[in-house]
């Protein structure tokens, strides 16, 4: 593995990859529930828009057929 001079160093001078890995995992674990909630909300909005569009199309076809 390549040496990263910007990586955190422990007092003995060696790399401490576990610290950055733990911070990364905490970041990913915190971000995951927010992404899932926004994905659910987005699909719900899409479903509502789709239902409204279908109702509008059916109403327009019925209006044209009956006029």
N, C-alpha and C. Protein backbone atom coordinates (compact mmCIF):
# COMPACT_ATOMS: atom_id res chain seq x y z
N UNK A 1 0.85 -1.17 0.00
CA UNK A 1 0.00 0.00 0.00
C UNK A 1 0.89 1.23 0.00
N UNK A 2 0.49 2.27 -0.71
CA UNK A 2 1.29 3.48 -0.83
C UNK A 2 1.29 4.26 0.47
N UNK A 3 2.39 4.96 0.72
CA UNK A 3 2.50 5.78 1.92
C UNK A 3 1.80 7.12 1.69
N UNK A 4 0.96 7.51 2.63
CA UNK A 4 0.25 8.79 2.55
C UNK A 4 0.82 9.73 3.61
N UNK A 5 1.57 10.76 3.21
CA UNK A 5 2.17 11.66 4.20
C UNK A 5 1.13 12.51 4.93
N UNK A 6 -0.09 12.59 4.42
CA UNK A 6 -1.12 13.40 5.07
C UNK A 6 -1.97 12.60 6.04
N UNK A 7 -1.72 11.30 6.13
CA UNK A 7 -2.50 10.46 7.04
C UNK A 7 -2.12 10.77 8.48
N UNK A 8 -3.07 10.61 9.42
CA UNK A 8 -2.75 10.87 10.82
C UNK A 8 -1.64 9.94 11.31
N UNK A 9 -0.79 10.45 12.16
CA UNK A 9 0.34 9.69 12.68
C UNK A 9 0.12 9.45 14.18
N UNK A 10 0.47 8.25 14.64
CA UNK A 10 0.42 8.02 16.08
C UNK A 10 1.71 8.53 16.70
N UNK A 11 1.80 8.64 18.03
CA UNK A 11 3.00 9.24 18.65
C UNK A 11 4.29 8.52 18.32
N UNK A 12 4.26 7.24 18.02
CA UNK A 12 5.47 6.51 17.68
C UNK A 12 5.91 6.76 16.24
N UNK A 13 5.12 7.49 15.46
CA UNK A 13 5.50 7.83 14.10
C UNK A 13 4.92 6.91 13.05
N UNK A 14 4.22 5.85 13.43
CA UNK A 14 3.64 4.94 12.46
C UNK A 14 2.25 5.42 12.04
N UNK A 15 1.77 4.89 10.92
CA UNK A 15 0.43 5.24 10.46
C UNK A 15 -0.63 4.61 11.36
N UNK A 16 -1.74 5.27 11.50
CA UNK A 16 -2.86 4.73 12.26
C UNK A 16 -4.07 4.65 11.33
N UNK A 17 -4.14 3.65 10.46
CA UNK A 17 -5.25 3.57 9.51
C UNK A 17 -6.59 3.31 10.19
N UNK A 18 -6.59 2.72 11.38
CA UNK A 18 -7.85 2.42 12.05
C UNK A 18 -8.61 3.70 12.40
N UNK A 19 -7.91 4.76 12.74
CA UNK A 19 -8.59 6.01 13.08
C UNK A 19 -9.35 6.59 11.91
N UNK A 20 -8.74 6.65 10.76
CA UNK A 20 -9.43 7.19 9.59
C UNK A 20 -10.53 6.25 9.12
N UNK A 21 -10.33 4.95 9.27
CA UNK A 21 -11.36 3.99 8.89
C UNK A 21 -12.58 4.15 9.79
N UNK A 22 -12.34 4.34 11.09
CA UNK A 22 -13.47 4.51 12.01
C UNK A 22 -14.22 5.80 11.71
N UNK A 23 -13.52 6.86 11.37
CA UNK A 23 -14.19 8.12 11.02
C UNK A 23 -15.00 7.95 9.74
N UNK A 24 -14.44 7.23 8.76
CA UNK A 24 -15.15 7.00 7.51
C UNK A 24 -16.42 6.19 7.76
N UNK A 25 -16.30 5.13 8.55
CA UNK A 25 -17.48 4.30 8.83
C UNK A 25 -18.55 5.09 9.57
N UNK A 26 -18.15 5.95 10.50
CA UNK A 26 -19.12 6.79 11.20
C UNK A 26 -19.81 7.73 10.23
N UNK A 27 -19.06 8.29 9.29
CA UNK A 27 -19.64 9.18 8.28
C UNK A 27 -20.64 8.44 7.41
N UNK A 28 -20.28 7.25 6.94
CA UNK A 28 -21.15 6.46 6.08
C UNK A 28 -22.40 6.03 6.84
N UNK A 29 -22.22 5.58 8.09
CA UNK A 29 -23.36 5.13 8.88
C UNK A 29 -24.32 6.28 9.18
N UNK A 30 -23.81 7.49 9.39
CA UNK A 30 -24.68 8.64 9.64
C UNK A 30 -25.40 9.07 8.38
N UNK A 31 -24.76 8.96 7.22
CA UNK A 31 -25.34 9.43 5.97
C UNK A 31 -26.36 8.44 5.41
N UNK A 32 -26.23 7.16 5.69
CA UNK A 32 -27.10 6.15 5.10
C UNK A 32 -28.58 6.33 5.43
N UNK A 33 -28.97 6.56 6.69
CA UNK A 33 -30.41 6.72 6.96
C UNK A 33 -31.00 7.94 6.26
N UNK A 34 -30.26 9.02 6.13
CA UNK A 34 -30.77 10.21 5.45
C UNK A 34 -31.01 9.92 3.97
N UNK A 35 -30.12 9.19 3.35
CA UNK A 35 -30.28 8.87 1.93
C UNK A 35 -31.48 7.96 1.73
N UNK A 36 -31.70 7.01 2.63
CA UNK A 36 -32.83 6.12 2.50
C UNK A 36 -34.14 6.88 2.68
N UNK A 37 -34.18 7.82 3.62
CA UNK A 37 -35.39 8.60 3.84
C UNK A 37 -35.70 9.47 2.63
N UNK A 38 -34.68 10.09 2.06
CA UNK A 38 -34.93 10.95 0.90
C UNK A 38 -35.34 10.12 -0.32
N UNK A 39 -34.81 8.91 -0.44
CA UNK A 39 -35.21 8.05 -1.56
C UNK A 39 -36.67 7.63 -1.41
N UNK A 40 -37.09 7.34 -0.19
CA UNK A 40 -38.48 6.97 0.03
C UNK A 40 -39.40 8.15 -0.26
N UNK A 41 -39.00 9.34 0.20
CA UNK A 41 -39.80 10.53 -0.05
C UNK A 41 -39.89 10.84 -1.53
N UNK A 42 -38.81 10.65 -2.25
CA UNK A 42 -38.81 10.90 -3.68
C UNK A 42 -39.71 9.95 -4.43
N UNK A 43 -39.72 8.68 -4.03
CA UNK A 43 -40.58 7.72 -4.71
C UNK A 43 -42.05 8.00 -4.37
N UNK A 44 -42.31 8.48 -3.18
CA UNK A 44 -43.69 8.80 -2.80
C UNK A 44 -44.20 9.98 -3.61
N UNK A 45 -43.36 10.99 -3.81
CA UNK A 45 -43.75 12.15 -4.61
C UNK A 45 -43.98 11.71 -6.05
N UNK A 46 -43.13 10.86 -6.58
CA UNK A 46 -43.30 10.35 -7.93
C UNK A 46 -44.59 9.57 -8.10
N UNK A 47 -44.94 8.79 -7.07
CA UNK A 47 -46.19 8.03 -7.12
C UNK A 47 -47.39 8.97 -7.13
N UNK A 48 -47.37 9.99 -6.31
CA UNK A 48 -48.47 10.95 -6.26
C UNK A 48 -48.61 11.68 -7.60
N UNK A 49 -47.50 12.12 -8.16
CA UNK A 49 -47.54 12.81 -9.46
C UNK A 49 -48.06 11.87 -10.54
N UNK A 50 -47.66 10.63 -10.50
CA UNK A 50 -48.13 9.65 -11.48
C UNK A 50 -49.64 9.42 -11.39
N UNK A 51 -50.15 9.30 -10.16
CA UNK A 51 -51.59 9.09 -9.98
C UNK A 51 -52.37 10.31 -10.46
N UNK A 52 -51.88 11.51 -10.14
CA UNK A 52 -52.56 12.73 -10.59
C UNK A 52 -52.56 12.80 -12.12
N UNK A 53 -51.44 12.43 -12.74
CA UNK A 53 -51.36 12.46 -14.20
C UNK A 53 -52.34 11.46 -14.83
N UNK A 54 -52.43 10.27 -14.26
CA UNK A 54 -53.36 9.26 -14.80
C UNK A 54 -54.80 9.74 -14.66
N UNK A 55 -55.15 10.32 -13.51
CA UNK A 55 -56.51 10.82 -13.32
C UNK A 55 -56.81 11.94 -14.33
N UNK A 56 -55.84 12.83 -14.56
CA UNK A 56 -56.05 13.91 -15.52
C UNK A 56 -56.24 13.37 -16.93
N UNK A 57 -55.45 12.37 -17.31
CA UNK A 57 -55.56 11.79 -18.65
C UNK A 57 -56.91 11.09 -18.82
N UNK A 58 -57.33 10.33 -17.82
CA UNK A 58 -58.62 9.65 -17.90
C UNK A 58 -59.76 10.67 -17.98
N UNK A 59 -59.67 11.75 -17.21
CA UNK A 59 -60.70 12.80 -17.25
C UNK A 59 -60.73 13.45 -18.62
N UNK A 60 -59.56 13.73 -19.20
CA UNK A 60 -59.52 14.36 -20.52
C UNK A 60 -60.11 13.44 -21.60
N UNK A 61 -59.79 12.16 -21.54
CA UNK A 61 -60.33 11.20 -22.52
C UNK A 61 -61.85 11.08 -22.37
N UNK A 62 -62.33 11.03 -21.12
CA UNK A 62 -63.78 10.95 -20.90
C UNK A 62 -64.48 12.22 -21.39
N UNK A 63 -63.88 13.36 -21.17
CA UNK A 63 -64.46 14.63 -21.61
C UNK A 63 -64.54 14.68 -23.13
N UNK A 64 -63.46 14.25 -23.80
CA UNK A 64 -63.45 14.23 -25.26
C UNK A 64 -64.47 13.21 -25.81
N UNK A 65 -64.59 12.07 -25.15
CA UNK A 65 -65.52 11.04 -25.64
C UNK A 65 -66.98 11.47 -25.46
N UNK A 66 -67.28 12.20 -24.42
CA UNK A 66 -68.66 12.57 -24.14
C UNK A 66 -69.06 13.90 -24.77
N UNK A 67 -68.15 14.65 -25.30
CA UNK A 67 -68.52 15.94 -25.89
C UNK A 67 -68.76 15.85 -27.38
